[in-house]
Structures are given as structure tokens and as C-alpha cells.
């Protein structure tokens, strides 16, 4: 999987969910280097805006450190009955 981020004609995108296993700068940066294009934040498990903001800043900082654009999407919790 090495070097995927350097293939601009690749049509498939790799999506990863942000969680405890990838919440360190080192792990997240490695994931981005290996080809992750988009990070999903799951608001069903984490809805505190301050924590979500910190996660977004970490993702942006890691992406910037390797000069890579990465998408972020927030998966909102559905209706609770």
C-alpha cells in the first residue's frame, strides 16, 4: 500500500473512521501517508463540540505536515425515539 498518496489518478478513495486506535499524531500521519483520503468522525459516539474541534485540528495538522489534502466528514447521530 506504500505510495498510494502519490497516485493522483487513483479513482478509489480510502475512508477511515477516527477512533482511539488512530488518535495519536504518529498513527494518524502514517494512515494518511499510506493512502487514507477521508476521515470520518462519528458523532453518535462523540458529540462534544470541543472534542470534535480538537480532532479536526489534529487531522488538519497531520495532513498539513505531509502536504496532503484530506477530507473530513461528520457522521451525525440519527433520530432518537
Protein backbone atom coordinates (compact mmCIF):
# COMPACT_ATOMS: atom_id res chain seq x y z
CA UNK A 1 0.00 0.00 0.00
CA UNK A 2 3.02 2.27 0.24
CA UNK A 3 2.99 5.31 -2.01
CA UNK A 4 -0.75 5.49 -2.72
CA UNK A 5 -0.86 9.19 -1.90
CA UNK A 6 1.38 9.86 -4.89
CA UNK A 7 -1.04 8.44 -7.47
CA UNK A 8 -3.30 11.38 -8.35
CA UNK A 9 -5.20 9.39 -11.00
CA UNK A 10 -6.45 6.83 -8.48
CA UNK A 11 -10.25 6.92 -8.59
CA UNK A 12 -10.91 4.88 -5.44
CA UNK A 13 -10.91 6.77 -2.15
CA UNK A 14 -9.97 5.30 1.22
CA UNK A 15 -12.13 6.28 4.18
CA UNK A 16 -11.08 5.70 7.80
CA UNK A 17 -13.09 6.26 10.97
CA UNK A 18 -11.32 8.33 13.61
CA UNK A 19 -11.17 6.49 16.93
CA UNK A 20 -8.95 5.50 19.84
CA UNK A 21 -6.66 3.34 17.67
CA UNK A 22 -5.72 6.28 15.44
CA UNK A 23 -5.96 9.24 17.77
CA UNK A 24 -2.22 9.83 18.06
CA UNK A 25 -0.39 12.17 15.71
CA UNK A 26 2.05 9.40 14.72
CA UNK A 27 -0.61 6.81 13.83
CA UNK A 28 -2.85 9.29 12.03
CA UNK A 29 0.06 10.64 9.97
CA UNK A 30 1.07 7.10 8.98
CA UNK A 31 -2.50 6.34 7.89
CA UNK A 32 -2.53 9.44 5.70
CA UNK A 33 0.85 8.53 4.23
CA UNK A 34 -0.46 5.04 3.43
CA UNK A 35 -3.34 6.44 1.40
CA UNK A 36 -6.30 7.44 3.58
CA UNK A 37 -8.17 10.20 1.74
CA UNK A 38 -11.06 10.96 4.09
CA UNK A 39 -11.52 10.75 7.86
CA UNK A 40 -14.97 10.04 9.31
CA UNK A 41 -15.86 11.41 12.73
CA UNK A 42 -18.76 9.54 14.34
CA UNK A 43 -21.00 11.92 16.29
CA UNK A 44 -23.03 9.00 17.66
CA UNK A 45 -20.10 8.23 19.95
CA UNK A 46 -18.66 11.72 20.37
CA UNK A 47 -20.87 14.78 20.20
CA UNK A 48 -18.90 17.24 22.36
CA UNK A 49 -18.09 20.14 20.00
CA UNK A 50 -14.83 20.95 21.83
CA UNK A 51 -13.51 17.41 21.39
CA UNK A 52 -14.65 17.26 17.76
CA UNK A 53 -12.85 20.55 17.12
CA UNK A 54 -9.65 19.13 18.64
CA UNK A 55 -9.96 16.04 16.44
CA UNK A 56 -10.41 18.18 13.31
CA UNK A 57 -7.38 20.29 14.25
CA UNK A 58 -5.28 17.14 14.75
CA UNK A 59 -6.37 15.72 11.38
CA UNK A 60 -5.65 19.01 9.59
CA UNK A 61 -2.28 19.35 11.30
CA UNK A 62 -1.20 15.81 10.35
CA UNK A 63 -2.32 16.32 6.76
CA UNK A 64 -0.51 19.64 6.52
CA UNK A 65 2.70 18.08 7.89
CA UNK A 66 2.84 15.78 4.85
CA UNK A 67 1.35 18.30 2.37
CA UNK A 68 -1.76 16.23 1.74
CA UNK A 69 -5.38 17.31 1.35
CA UNK A 70 -7.69 15.11 3.40
CA UNK A 71 -11.46 15.29 3.61
CA UNK A 72 -13.31 15.15 6.92
CA UNK A 73 -16.93 14.24 7.35
CA UNK A 74 -19.05 14.22 10.48
CA UNK A 75 -21.49 11.33 10.64
CA UNK A 76 -24.41 12.66 12.68
CA UNK A 77 -26.45 10.58 15.06
CA UNK A 78 -29.90 9.66 13.77
CA UNK A 79 -33.23 10.43 15.40
CA UNK A 80 -33.64 9.05 18.91
CA UNK A 81 -37.09 7.77 19.84
